[in-house]
PDB file of N, CA and C in Angstrom:
ATOM      1  N   MET A   1     -18.941 -53.834   5.498  1.00  0.00           N
ATOM      2  CA  MET A   1     -17.749 -53.331   6.103  1.00  0.00           C
ATOM      3  C   MET A   1     -17.156 -52.160   5.335  1.00  0.00           C
ATOM      4  N   GLY A   2     -17.794 -51.649   4.384  1.00  0.00           N
ATOM      5  CA  GLY A   2     -17.277 -50.589   3.523  1.00  0.00           C
ATOM      6  C   GLY A   2     -16.892 -49.329   4.270  1.00  0.00           C
ATOM      7  N   SER A   3     -17.747 -48.353   4.279  1.00  0.00           N
ATOM      8  CA  SER A   3     -17.432 -47.076   4.921  1.00  0.00           C
ATOM      9  C   SER A   3     -18.050 -47.016   6.309  1.00  0.00           C
ATOM     10  N   PHE A   4     -17.594 -46.052   7.082  1.00  0.00           N
ATOM     11  CA  PHE A   4     -18.136 -45.875   8.429  1.00  0.00           C
ATOM     12  C   PHE A   4     -19.503 -45.213   8.360  1.00  0.00           C
ATOM     13  N   SER A   5     -20.339 -45.520   9.312  1.00  0.00           N
ATOM     14  CA  SER A   5     -21.658 -44.878   9.369  1.00  0.00           C
ATOM     15  C   SER A   5     -21.520 -43.536  10.084  1.00  0.00           C
ATOM     16  N   ILE A   6     -22.579 -42.778  10.126  1.00  0.00           N
ATOM     17  CA  ILE A   6     -22.574 -41.471  10.769  1.00  0.00           C
ATOM     18  C   ILE A   6     -22.269 -41.596  12.254  1.00  0.00           C
ATOM     19  N   TRP A   7     -22.709 -42.698  12.874  1.00  0.00           N
ATOM     20  CA  TRP A   7     -22.465 -42.898  14.307  1.00  0.00           C
ATOM     21  C   TRP A   7     -20.986 -43.090  14.601  1.00  0.00           C
ATOM     22  N   HIS A   8     -20.295 -43.776  13.724  1.00  0.00           N
ATOM     23  CA  HIS A   8     -18.855 -43.947  13.904  1.00  0.00           C
ATOM     24  C   HIS A   8     -18.147 -42.591  13.865  1.00  0.00           C
ATOM     25  N   TRP A   9     -18.524 -41.758  12.906  1.00  0.00           N
ATOM     26  CA  TRP A   9     -17.885 -40.432  12.768  1.00  0.00           C
ATOM     27  C   TRP A   9     -18.210 -39.534  13.961  1.00  0.00           C
ATOM     28  N   LEU A  10     -19.439 -39.629  14.490  1.00  0.00           N
ATOM     29  CA  LEU A  10     -19.794 -38.820  15.660  1.00  0.00           C
ATOM     30  C   LEU A  10     -19.000 -39.248  16.895  1.00  0.00           C
ATOM     31  N   ILE A  11     -18.778 -40.540  17.050  1.00  0.00           N
ATOM     32  CA  ILE A  11     -17.996 -41.027  18.182  1.00  0.00           C
ATOM     33  C   ILE A  11     -16.540 -40.577  18.050  1.00  0.00           C
ATOM     34  N   VAL A  12     -15.976 -40.674  16.859  1.00  0.00           N
ATOM     35  CA  VAL A  12     -14.600 -40.207  16.627  1.00  0.00           C
ATOM     36  C   VAL A  12     -14.490 -38.722  16.914  1.00  0.00           C
ATOM     37  N   LEU A  13     -15.448 -37.920  16.459  1.00  0.00           N
ATOM     38  CA  LEU A  13     -15.450 -36.487  16.707  1.00  0.00           C
ATOM     39  C   LEU A  13     -15.545 -36.180  18.196  1.00  0.00           C
ATOM     40  N   LEU A  14     -16.379 -36.904  18.902  1.00  0.00           N
ATOM     41  CA  LEU A  14     -16.530 -36.720  20.345  1.00  0.00           C
ATOM     42  C   LEU A  14     -15.226 -37.038  21.077  1.00  0.00           C
ATOM     43  N   VAL A  15     -14.565 -38.127  20.696  1.00  0.00           N
ATOM     44  CA  VAL A  15     -13.292 -38.494  21.328  1.00  0.00           C
ATOM     45  C   VAL A  15     -12.226 -37.437  21.061  1.00  0.00           C
ATOM     46  N   VAL A  16     -12.159 -36.954  19.838  1.00  0.00           N
ATOM     47  CA  VAL A  16     -11.180 -35.917  19.496  1.00  0.00           C
ATOM     48  C   VAL A  16     -11.450 -34.652  20.295  1.00  0.00           C
ATOM     49  N   LEU A  17     -12.697 -34.245  20.404  1.00  0.00           N
ATOM     50  CA  LEU A  17     -13.041 -33.049  21.183  1.00  0.00           C
ATOM     51  C   LEU A  17     -12.719 -33.230  22.657  1.00  0.00           C
ATOM     52  N   LEU A  18     -12.939 -34.422  23.194  1.00  0.00           N
ATOM     53  CA  LEU A  18     -12.621 -34.669  24.601  1.00  0.00           C
ATOM     54  C   LEU A  18     -11.114 -34.654  24.853  1.00  0.00           C
ATOM     55  N   LEU A  19     -10.341 -35.187  23.916  1.00  0.00           N
ATOM     56  CA  LEU A  19      -8.891 -35.237  24.090  1.00  0.00           C
ATOM     57  C   LEU A  19      -8.237 -33.864  23.930  1.00  0.00           C
ATOM     58  N   PHE A  20      -8.630 -33.147  22.906  1.00  0.00           N
ATOM     59  CA  PHE A  20      -7.947 -31.896  22.577  1.00  0.00           C
ATOM     60  C   PHE A  20      -8.699 -30.654  23.021  1.00  0.00           C
ATOM     61  N   GLY A  21      -9.982 -30.744  23.186  1.00  0.00           N
ATOM     62  CA  GLY A  21     -10.774 -29.579  23.535  1.00  0.00           C
ATOM     63  C   GLY A  21     -11.073 -28.745  22.299  1.00  0.00           C
ATOM     64  N   SER A  22     -12.168 -28.017  22.334  1.00  0.00           N
ATOM     65  CA  SER A  22     -12.564 -27.244  21.152  1.00  0.00           C
ATOM     66  C   SER A  22     -11.655 -26.035  20.948  1.00  0.00           C
ATOM     67  N   GLY A  23     -11.077 -25.500  22.026  1.00  0.00           N
ATOM     68  CA  GLY A  23     -10.199 -24.332  21.901  1.00  0.00           C
ATOM     69  C   GLY A  23      -8.922 -24.640  21.147  1.00  0.00           C
ATOM     70  N   LYS A  24      -8.327 -25.787  21.439  1.00  0.00           N
ATOM     71  CA  LYS A  24      -7.086 -26.156  20.755  1.00  0.00           C
ATOM     72  C   LYS A  24      -7.326 -26.401  19.269  1.00  0.00           C
ATOM     73  N   ILE A  25      -8.445 -27.022  18.964  1.00  0.00           N
ATOM     74  CA  ILE A  25      -8.744 -27.323  17.558  1.00  0.00           C
ATOM     75  C   ILE A  25      -8.985 -26.028  16.782  1.00  0.00           C
ATOM     76  N   SER A  26      -9.724 -25.082  17.382  1.00  0.00           N
ATOM     77  CA  SER A  26      -9.972 -23.827  16.668  1.00  0.00           C
ATOM     78  C   SER A  26      -8.685 -23.024  16.534  1.00  0.00           C
ATOM     79  N   ASN A  27      -7.816 -23.063  17.547  1.00  0.00           N
ATOM     80  CA  ASN A  27      -6.520 -22.385  17.429  1.00  0.00           C
ATOM     81  C   ASN A  27      -5.665 -23.017  16.337  1.00  0.00           C
ATOM     82  N   LEU A  28      -5.699 -24.329  16.256  1.00  0.00           N
ATOM     83  CA  LEU A  28      -4.938 -25.044  15.242  1.00  0.00           C
ATOM     84  C   LEU A  28      -5.431 -24.682  13.840  1.00  0.00           C
ATOM     85  N   MET A  29      -6.734 -24.624  13.662  1.00  0.00           N
ATOM     86  CA  MET A  29      -7.292 -24.263  12.357  1.00  0.00           C
ATOM     87  C   MET A  29      -6.969 -22.800  12.001  1.00  0.00           C
ATOM     88  N   GLY A  30      -6.997 -21.919  13.003  1.00  0.00           N
ATOM     89  CA  GLY A  30      -6.642 -20.522  12.762  1.00  0.00           C
ATOM     90  C   GLY A  30      -5.184 -20.374  12.365  1.00  0.00           C
ATOM     91  N   ASP A  31      -4.302 -21.124  13.020  1.00  0.00           N
ATOM     92  CA  ASP A  31      -2.884 -21.097  12.668  1.00  0.00           C
ATOM     93  C   ASP A  31      -2.660 -21.651  11.267  1.00  0.00           C
ATOM     94  N   LEU A  32      -3.394 -22.681  10.920  1.00  0.00           N
ATOM     95  CA  LEU A  32      -3.282 -23.258   9.575  1.00  0.00           C
ATOM     96  C   LEU A  32      -3.721 -22.248   8.520  1.00  0.00           C
ATOM     97  N   ALA A  33      -4.833 -21.555   8.778  1.00  0.00           N
ATOM     98  CA  ALA A  33      -5.317 -20.557   7.825  1.00  0.00           C
ATOM     99  C   ALA A  33      -4.324 -19.407   7.690  1.00  0.00           C
ATOM    100  N   THR A  34      -3.731 -18.966   8.801  1.00  0.00           N
ATOM    101  CA  THR A  34      -2.731 -17.899   8.750  1.00  0.00           C
ATOM    102  C   THR A  34      -1.512 -18.330   7.948  1.00  0.00           C
ATOM    103  N   GLY A  35      -1.101 -19.568   8.119  1.00  0.00           N
ATOM    104  CA  GLY A  35       0.032 -20.089   7.360  1.00  0.00           C
ATOM    105  C   GLY A  35      -0.251 -20.139   5.868  1.00  0.00           C
ATOM    106  N   ILE A  36      -1.457 -20.543   5.503  1.00  0.00           N
ATOM    107  CA  ILE A  36      -1.821 -20.603   4.084  1.00  0.00           C
ATOM    108  C   ILE A  36      -1.856 -19.204   3.483  1.00  0.00           C
ATOM    109  N   LYS A  37      -2.414 -18.232   4.217  1.00  0.00           N
ATOM    110  CA  LYS A  37      -2.456 -16.851   3.719  1.00  0.00           C
ATOM    111  C   LYS A  37      -1.057 -16.291   3.545  1.00  0.00           C
ATOM    112  N   SER A  38      -0.189 -16.567   4.496  1.00  0.00           N
ATOM    113  CA  SER A  38       1.191 -16.098   4.416  1.00  0.00           C
ATOM    114  C   SER A  38       1.908 -16.725   3.226  1.00  0.00           C
ATOM    115  N   PHE A  39       1.677 -18.006   3.002  1.00  0.00           N
ATOM    116  CA  PHE A  39       2.286 -18.694   1.868  1.00  0.00           C
ATOM    117  C   PHE A  39       1.832 -18.086   0.548  1.00  0.00           C
ATOM    118  N   LYS A  40       0.534 -17.839   0.411  1.00  0.00           N
ATOM    119  CA  LYS A  40       0.008 -17.250  -0.822  1.00  0.00           C
ATOM    120  C   LYS A  40       0.565 -15.850  -1.043  1.00  0.00           C
ATOM    121  N   LYS A  41       0.674 -15.065   0.039  1.00  0.00           N
ATOM    122  CA  LYS A  41       1.215 -13.708  -0.069  1.00  0.00           C
ATOM    123  C   LYS A  41       2.662 -13.748  -0.550  1.00  0.00           C
ATOM    124  N   ASN A  42       3.458 -14.644   0.013  1.00  0.00           N
ATOM    125  CA  ASN A  42       4.857 -14.751  -0.398  1.00  0.00           C
ATOM    126  C   ASN A  42       4.995 -15.247  -1.827  1.00  0.00           C
ATOM    127  N   MET A  43       4.096 -16.114  -2.254  1.00  0.00           N
ATOM    128  CA  MET A  43       4.144 -16.577  -3.640  1.00  0.00           C
ATOM    129  C   MET A  43       3.834 -15.440  -4.604  1.00  0.00           C
ATOM    130  N   LYS A  44       2.894 -14.559  -4.241  1.00  0.00           N
ATOM    131  CA  LYS A  44       2.572 -13.418  -5.092  1.00  0.00           C
ATOM    132  C   LYS A  44       3.730 -12.432  -5.144  1.00  0.00           C
ATOM    133  N   GLU A  45       4.458 -12.270  -4.034  1.00  0.00           N
ATOM    134  CA  GLU A  45       5.601 -11.361  -4.004  1.00  0.00           C
ATOM    135  C   GLU A  45       6.741 -11.900  -4.853  1.00  0.00           C
ATOM    136  N   ASP A  46       6.910 -13.203  -4.936  1.00  0.00           N
ATOM    137  CA  ASP A  46       7.994 -13.799  -5.706  1.00  0.00           C
ATOM    138  C   ASP A  46       7.739 -13.763  -7.201  1.00  0.00           C
ATOM    139  N   GLU A  47       6.499 -13.763  -7.637  1.00  0.00           N
ATOM    140  CA  GLU A  47       6.187 -13.810  -9.066  1.00  0.00           C
ATOM    141  C   GLU A  47       6.708 -12.600  -9.832  1.00  0.00           C
ATOM    142  N   PRO A  48       6.543 -11.342  -9.384  1.00  0.00           N
ATOM    143  CA  PRO A  48       7.082 -10.224 -10.158  1.00  0.00           C
ATOM    144  C   PRO A  48       8.601 -10.274 -10.266  1.00  0.00           C
ATOM    145  N   ASP A  49       9.300 -10.718  -9.241  1.00  0.00           N
ATOM    146  CA  ASP A  49      10.746 -10.811  -9.306  1.00  0.00           C
ATOM    147  C   ASP A  49      11.175 -11.794 -10.382  1.00  0.00           C
ATOM    148  N   ALA A  50      10.494 -12.917 -10.470  1.00  0.00           N
ATOM    149  CA  ALA A  50      10.847 -13.923 -11.458  1.00  0.00           C
ATOM    150  C   ALA A  50      10.570 -13.421 -12.870  1.00  0.00           C
ATOM    151  N   SER A  51       9.475 -12.692 -13.074  1.00  0.00           N
ATOM    152  CA  SER A  51       9.168 -12.197 -14.416  1.00  0.00           C
ATOM    153  C   SER A  51      10.128 -11.096 -14.822  1.00  0.00           C
ATOM    154  N   LEU A  52      10.592 -10.278 -13.875  1.00  0.00           N
ATOM    155  CA  LEU A  52      11.570  -9.245 -14.194  1.00  0.00           C
ATOM    156  C   LEU A  52      12.913  -9.860 -14.552  1.00  0.00           C
ATOM    157  N   ALA A  53      13.299 -10.901 -13.858  1.00  0.00           N
ATOM    158  CA  ALA A  53      14.585 -11.538 -14.129  1.00  0.00           C
ATOM    159  C   ALA A  53      14.594 -12.181 -15.512  1.00  0.00           C
ATOM    160  N   GLU A  54      13.475 -12.709 -15.958  1.00  0.00           N
ATOM    161  CA  GLU A  54      13.416 -13.336 -17.269  1.00  0.00           C
ATOM    162  C   GLU A  54      13.412 -12.305 -18.389  1.00  0.00           C
ATOM    163  N   SER A  55      12.790 -11.144 -18.185  1.00  0.00           N
ATOM    164  CA  SER A  55      12.675 -10.162 -19.258  1.00  0.00           C
ATOM    165  C   SER A  55      13.851  -9.208 -19.309  1.00  0.00           C
ATOM    166  N   ALA A  56      14.654  -9.121 -18.256  1.00  0.00           N
ATOM    167  CA  ALA A  56      15.791  -8.203 -18.236  1.00  0.00           C
ATOM    168  C   ALA A  56      16.911  -8.766 -19.100  1.00  0.00           C
ATOM    169  N   PRO A  57      17.580  -7.870 -19.883  1.00  0.00           N
ATOM    170  CA  PRO A  57      18.701  -8.343 -20.692  1.00  0.00           C
ATOM    171  C   PRO A  57      19.882  -8.676 -19.778  1.00  0.00           C
ATOM    172  N   PRO A  58      20.760  -9.556 -20.228  1.00  0.00           N
ATOM    173  CA  PRO A  58      21.910  -9.905 -19.401  1.00  0.00           C
ATOM    174  C   PRO A  58      22.826  -8.696 -19.237  1.00  0.00           C
ATOM    175  N   ALA A  59      23.455  -8.595 -18.101  1.00  0.00           N
ATOM    176  CA  ALA A  59      24.330  -7.463 -17.812  1.00  0.00           C
ATOM    177  C   ALA A  59      25.608  -7.576 -18.622  1.00  0.00           C
ATOM    178  N   ALA A  60      26.056  -6.456 -19.170  1.00  0.00           N
ATOM    179  CA  ALA A  60      27.297  -6.434 -19.936  1.00  0.00           C
ATOM    180  C   ALA A  60      28.468  -6.414 -18.964  1.00  0.00           C
ATOM    181  N   THR A  61      29.522  -7.122 -19.326  1.00  0.00           N
ATOM    182  CA  THR A  61      30.696  -7.154 -18.470  1.00  0.00           C
ATOM    183  C   THR A  61      31.794  -6.315 -19.082  1.00  0.00           C
ATOM    184  N   LYS A  62      32.546  -5.630 -18.235  1.00  0.00           N
ATOM    185  CA  LYS A  62      33.676  -4.828 -18.680  1.00  0.00           C
ATOM    186  C   LYS A  62      34.912  -5.707 -18.719  1.00  0.00           C
ATOM    187  N   PRO A  63      35.804  -5.418 -19.673  1.00  0.00           N
ATOM    188  CA  PRO A  63      37.074  -6.140 -19.640  1.00  0.00           C
ATOM    189  C   PRO A  63      37.880  -5.688 -18.423  1.00  0.00           C
ATOM    190  N   THR A  64      38.476  -6.623 -17.763  1.00  0.00           N
ATOM    191  CA  THR A  64      39.180  -6.297 -16.533  1.00  0.00           C
ATOM    192  C   THR A  64      40.680  -6.405 -16.656  1.00  0.00           C
ATOM    193  N   GLY A  65      41.194  -6.727 -17.805  1.00  0.00           N
ATOM    194  CA  GLY A  65      42.630  -6.857 -17.950  1.00  0.00           C
ATOM    195  C   GLY A  65      43.126  -8.227 -17.526  1.00  0.00           C
ATOM    196  N   SER A  66      42.208  -9.142 -17.344  1.00  0.00           N
ATOM    197  CA  SER A  66      42.624 -10.491 -16.983  1.00  0.00           C
ATOM    198  C   SER A  66      43.089 -11.214 -18.237  1.00  0.00           C
ATOM    199  N   ILE A  67      43.430 -12.421 -18.092  1.00  0.00           N
ATOM    200  CA  ILE A  67      43.955 -13.195 -19.214  1.00  0.00           C
ATOM    201  C   ILE A  67      42.921 -13.236 -20.330  1.00  0.00           C
ATOM    202  N   GLY A  68      43.373 -12.891 -21.533  1.00  0.00           N
ATOM    203  CA  GLY A  68      42.508 -12.971 -22.688  1.00  0.00           C
ATOM    204  C   GLY A  68      41.742 -11.697 -22.995  1.00  0.00           C
ATOM    205  N   GLY A  69      41.848 -10.671 -22.205  1.00  0.00           N
ATOM    206  CA  GLY A  69      41.116  -9.437 -22.470  1.00  0.00           C
ATOM    207  C   GLY A  69      42.027  -8.229 -22.374  1.00  0.00           C
ATOM    208  N   PRO A  70      41.682  -7.164 -23.077  1.00  0.00           N
ATOM    209  CA  PRO A  70      42.518  -5.961 -23.009  1.00  0.00           C
ATOM    210  C   PRO A  70      42.415  -5.320 -21.625  1.00  0.00           C
ATOM    211  N   ALA A  71      43.473  -4.654 -21.245  1.00  0.00           N
ATOM    212  CA  ALA A  71      43.506  -4.009 -19.942  1.00  0.00           C
ATOM    213  C   ALA A  71      42.698  -2.720 -19.992  1.00  0.00           C
ATOM    214  N   ALA A  72      41.969  -2.477 -18.937  1.00  0.00           N
ATOM    215  CA  ALA A  72      41.194  -1.243 -18.838  1.00  0.00           C
ATOM    216  C   ALA A  72      42.145  -0.109 -18.452  1.00  0.00           C
ATOM    217  N   PRO A  73      41.919   1.102 -19.002  1.00  0.00           N
ATOM    218  CA  PRO A  73      42.799   2.215 -18.647  1.00  0.00           C
ATOM    219  C   PRO A  73      42.675   2.536 -17.163  1.00  0.00           C
ATOM    220  N   ALA A  74      43.805   2.869 -16.585  1.00  0.00           N
ATOM    221  CA  ALA A  74      43.814   3.174 -15.155  1.00  0.00           C
ATOM    222  C   ALA A  74      43.257   4.568 -14.932  1.00  0.00           C
ATOM    223  N   GLU A  75      42.459   4.711 -13.895  1.00  0.00           N
ATOM    224  CA  GLU A  75      41.921   6.023 -13.557  1.00  0.00           C
ATOM    225  C   GLU A  75      42.892   6.707 -12.610  1.00  0.00           C
ATOM    226  N   PRO A  76      43.081   8.030 -12.774  1.00  0.00           N
ATOM    227  CA  PRO A  76      44.003   8.725 -11.882  1.00  0.00           C
ATOM    228  C   PRO A  76      43.444   8.737 -10.459  1.00  0.00           C
ATOM    229  N   ALA A  77      44.322   8.513  -9.519  1.00  0.00           N
ATOM    230  CA  ALA A  77      43.918   8.510  -8.123  1.00  0.00           C
ATOM    231  C   ALA A  77      43.802   9.950  -7.641  1.00  0.00           C
ATOM    232  N   THR A  78      42.721  10.250  -6.977  1.00  0.00           N
ATOM    233  CA  THR A  78      42.536  11.591  -6.435  1.00  0.00           C
ATOM    234  C   THR A  78      42.502  11.485  -4.928  1.00  0.00           C
ATOM    235  N   THR A  79      43.298  12.318  -4.300  1.00  0.00           N
ATOM    236  CA  THR A  79      43.299  12.342  -2.847  1.00  0.00           C
ATOM    237  C   THR A  79      43.030  13.756  -2.394  1.00  0.00           C
ATOM    238  N   THR A  80      42.331  13.871  -1.343  1.00  0.00           N
ATOM    239  CA  THR A  80      42.061  15.188  -0.780  1.00  0.00           C
ATOM    240  C   THR A  80      42.594  15.199   0.640  1.00  0.00           C
ATOM    241  N   THR A  81      43.241  16.300   0.978  1.00  0.00           N
ATOM    242  CA  THR A  81      43.750  16.423   2.324  1.00  0.00           C
ATOM    243  C   THR A  81      43.031  17.556   2.992  1.00  0.00           C
ATOM    244  N   THR A  82      42.700  17.350   4.198  1.00  0.00           N
ATOM    245  CA  THR A  82      42.065  18.418   4.975  1.00  0.00           C
ATOM    246  C   THR A  82      42.900  18.650   6.212  1.00  0.00           C
ATOM    247  N   SER A  83      43.002  19.874   6.545  1.00  0.00           N
ATOM    248  CA  SER A  83      43.785  20.193   7.745  1.00  0.00           C
ATOM    249  C   SER A  83      42.829  20.465   8.883  1.00  0.00           C
ATOM    250  N   ARG A  84      43.185  19.941  10.031  1.00  0.00           N
ATOM    251  CA  ARG A  84      42.372  20.139  11.227  1.00  0.00           C
ATOM    252  C   ARG A  84      43.042  21.198  12.085  1.00  0.00           C
ATOM    253  N   PRO A  85      42.249  22.039  12.668  1.00  0.00           N
ATOM    254  CA  PRO A  85      42.852  23.010  13.570  1.00  0.00           C
ATOM    255  C   PRO A  85      43.357  22.322  14.841  1.00  0.00           C
ATOM    256  N   ALA A  86      44.442  22.824  15.374  1.00  0.00           N
ATOM    257  CA  ALA A  86      45.006  22.229  16.586  1.00  0.00           C
ATOM    258  C   ALA A  86      44.091  22.482  17.766  1.00  0.00           C
ATOM    259  N   ALA A  87      43.992  21.533  18.608  1.00  0.00           N
ATOM    260  CA  ALA A  87      43.080  21.658  19.748  1.00  0.00           C
ATOM    261  C   ALA A  87      43.756  22.276  20.944  1.00  0.00           C
TER     262      ALA A  87
END
């Protein structure tokens, strides 16, 4: 009673082919292969981003004048006015 014989596997294969048809099975396998390729491609795209994030130094923060830090000097506001000709 251990494993199935070759005849058992051939009967199972025949039943599966009759139920689903060979076209559906080949389409399913093609979709599976496309999904695996897409997954591998996305994993390769993510790897350089992760290595750059680990090797980049942390960003320096400017004091904003909030509690506990000196106030940053205010920059002079510049405004430009343009005149439009009357229509």
